[in-house]
Amino acid sequence: MRITKTLLVATAFSLVVAACSQNTTPTSTLAQPELPGIDPVVNEYSLQRFDACVDFLDYVKTNAKDMVGPYGLGYGWGYGFDEVMAVAETSAPAADRTITTGSPTIGNAQREFKSDADPEFSITNVQEKGVDEPDIVKTDGKRLLVLTNGELQIVDVTGRTPDVRGSLRLNDLYVQDMLFSGDTVLLIASGGGGGYPIASDVAFSPIVGGYSNTLWIIEVDVSDSDNPTVTRQLQMDGRYVSARMVDDTVRLVVNSSPVGLQFVQPEGSGLRAERQATERNKQIIEDSTIENWVPYYVLESVSDSGRTVVEKQGALLACDEANAPTNFAGLDMISIVTIDMSNGLDIENATGVLSSGETVYASTDALYIATTRWVDWQAIAETDAITEVVNESTTEIHKFDISDPTAVIYRGSGSVKGYMLSQWSMSEYNGDLRVASTSQPDWRFEQQSESFVTVLTEKDGELKQIGEVGGLGKGERIFAVRFMGDVGYVVTFRQIDPLYTLDLSDPTNPTVVGELKIPGYSAYLHPISDDLLIGVGQDATDQGQILGMQVSLFDVSDLANPKRIDKYTIKGGNSEAEWDHRAFLYWEPRDLVVLPLNTWWWDEGSEEEQGFTGAIGLEVTENGIKEIRRIVQSDNKNDNPWDWQAQVRRTVVIGDSVYTISEQGLLQSTLDTLEKESFTLWYR
């Protein structure tokens, strides 16, 4: 059992972040979502659209005045567990190939598996075919685009050895991710209201009122590899949650909080001072305008000299594009912003939901946002009540139709028991959404904890539950999930790792078919054929003591009798692929798996530290797992396995070479043997 400071902090914050069935009901008049021919308010989770700004303002002001205190809104914003106890999303399918699945039959498990990706180079390891995800490395087979050390590097890989052609440095911004299409890159960055990305000598007036969360989308023209150029930039209130791209259409999910509310604090101590401050803060809310509650955006074009010209600015969305759950869910706003990369940074549309959410899943036709229900923590003062809130929590899921590249249409809402692990907890198949959840949050292990797989279907404006199976991992929580067609795999862990296999062919009757109990756990599951499944995670003793990274190979040809046919354990090891699926590479033509690897352990014999920093290449076939070679980043002068800058973040296959990328540089290795061919430092 983990007992850490994190657990204590989470317990203290559980009043803030817990999901509760007792919520404040919105008091304003809301218009109904425009779903032709049906009544949209079909359950307590449904979103309702505001008729006009007067309704929107009435709603936020009424609820904010109920929440405000002598120090402002404080913790009453409706944060969810995901925001305070955020964990990295884990697991994903192969970056370099795609999977299509047929209908398995139990006993035979006839799952169709095929790879139809371009065999010449690998791509970002994504969850769904046709749905691209942002990453720190992208390629078109001729160029490698790498985000490292605050710069965008453009590398020509058409020659015998890679050639760094150009770079672009963005000042005062943390660039997290990028999307790439044609000759255009969208950089996704975070910074304060006064941040400026181009040149430090260009004058800029920061937003009055101090630091604020601002999301930047930077459009870069990379048609000239020697001279990547910023052409436009989009700023908006809020922070980056996630993004997906289908063809050239980007759906950006942003979470923003109210801005510009200059709350006062008590002038001195005592009850009177606090009451006076509360009344003044209520008046500040009463005097607020729409600009305080709806995120703002600025779109600028950038000249060759770095000067900017404002093209557009204003509210990110209109009042009638904002929605609120029937049950009050806080004053933050989740916005889904649509951008067509072929048209640059013009915002096609934006839709907002007054709620907080961190988990996003998308198919080619639908986008789902999961939110944890809001609770008024000031109304709960007893430990027993806190425990009840945690135990009775639910996750609400909102579905949006994105089949039209120019529109986002709300389709319906539903809920599942407990908490989800990550984007991998959701999967759409034949119009149904399968959801894996655990009754307890990830920091809380209790004997009554169990996990579920629930099936929801859209019907008459509702995500209606049509099937559920529970009882998975009693006293444990989910560590990994993978859905393939109408088969599901769920890993739970506390001391022993059960791998559950599920038959989902009848969505009204999901069934646990098989169970395999082994020490340790898998944090990421990756299918490599109809019958074989790779698990990347941690080995452990029978008592649950972690030993080091392990790669497991499972035979799932018989769903009723899954078997582990091989495992490879690395003492004291861990891999970024355990918590970020984009770090995992599987190259099917070579049966090659490459994983970032860091190890540390104490050698009692020599009484010395032992360790490794780099990557490991494995050959994985039906015959088992075989190490090919360990890859160490090198500056050609002093190999240093302890150098944090040499930690491998991503691996890409292009032609006959494997490229491993770190903050230090780019290592080129042969595809067949992983022997070093060349090494390029980012800074020379």
Foldseek 3Di string as FASTA:
>chain_A
DDDDVLLVVCLVCLLLAFAFPDFDFFDFDFAAAPDPPFGQPPDQFGKTFHPAQVRVLSRVLVVLLVQAFQVGNPSVQQHHCCVSVNFFAAFAAFQAFAFAFDAQDFQQLPTAGDGDGDQFKGAFGHHAPQKDWWDQWGDPLQWIWGCFPQKTWIWGPPDPHIDTQAMAHFPQWAFGTWDDDDQKIKTKIWHWQFGGTHDPPDDDDGDPPDTAIKIKIWIWGCPPSNDIDTFKMKIKGFDFQTWIDRRQKIKTKGKHAFDDQPQHHFPDDDDVSGVVSSVVSSVSSVPDHPNRQFMKMWMWTADPVGDIDTPDIDGQAGSRLEIERSGHRGRMKIKTWMDGVVVPRDTLHIHIYRHDFRAWEDYLWKIKTKGWHGHSSVVDDDPVVSVVSLQATKIKMWMWTCNDSRDTGTQAMDIDAAAADHNQQWDDAPQKIKGKHKSGDPSDFDQQIKIKIWIFHGDSRYRHTQAMDIDHPGRWGWQEKHDHHQKIWTWTDDFWIKIWIWGCSPVNYIDTQAIDTGGWTFNYWYDLGSFKIKGWGFGHDSRRHTFAIKIWIWGCSNNNDIDTPEMDGDGQKDFPNSRDVSQWHQSNVQQKTKTFMWGWDADPVVRDIDIFAAMWIWRQDPNYIDTQDGDFADPVPDGDRPDQQRHFRHWMRGHQWIWTDGSQWIWIAGNNRRHTDDTDGPPD
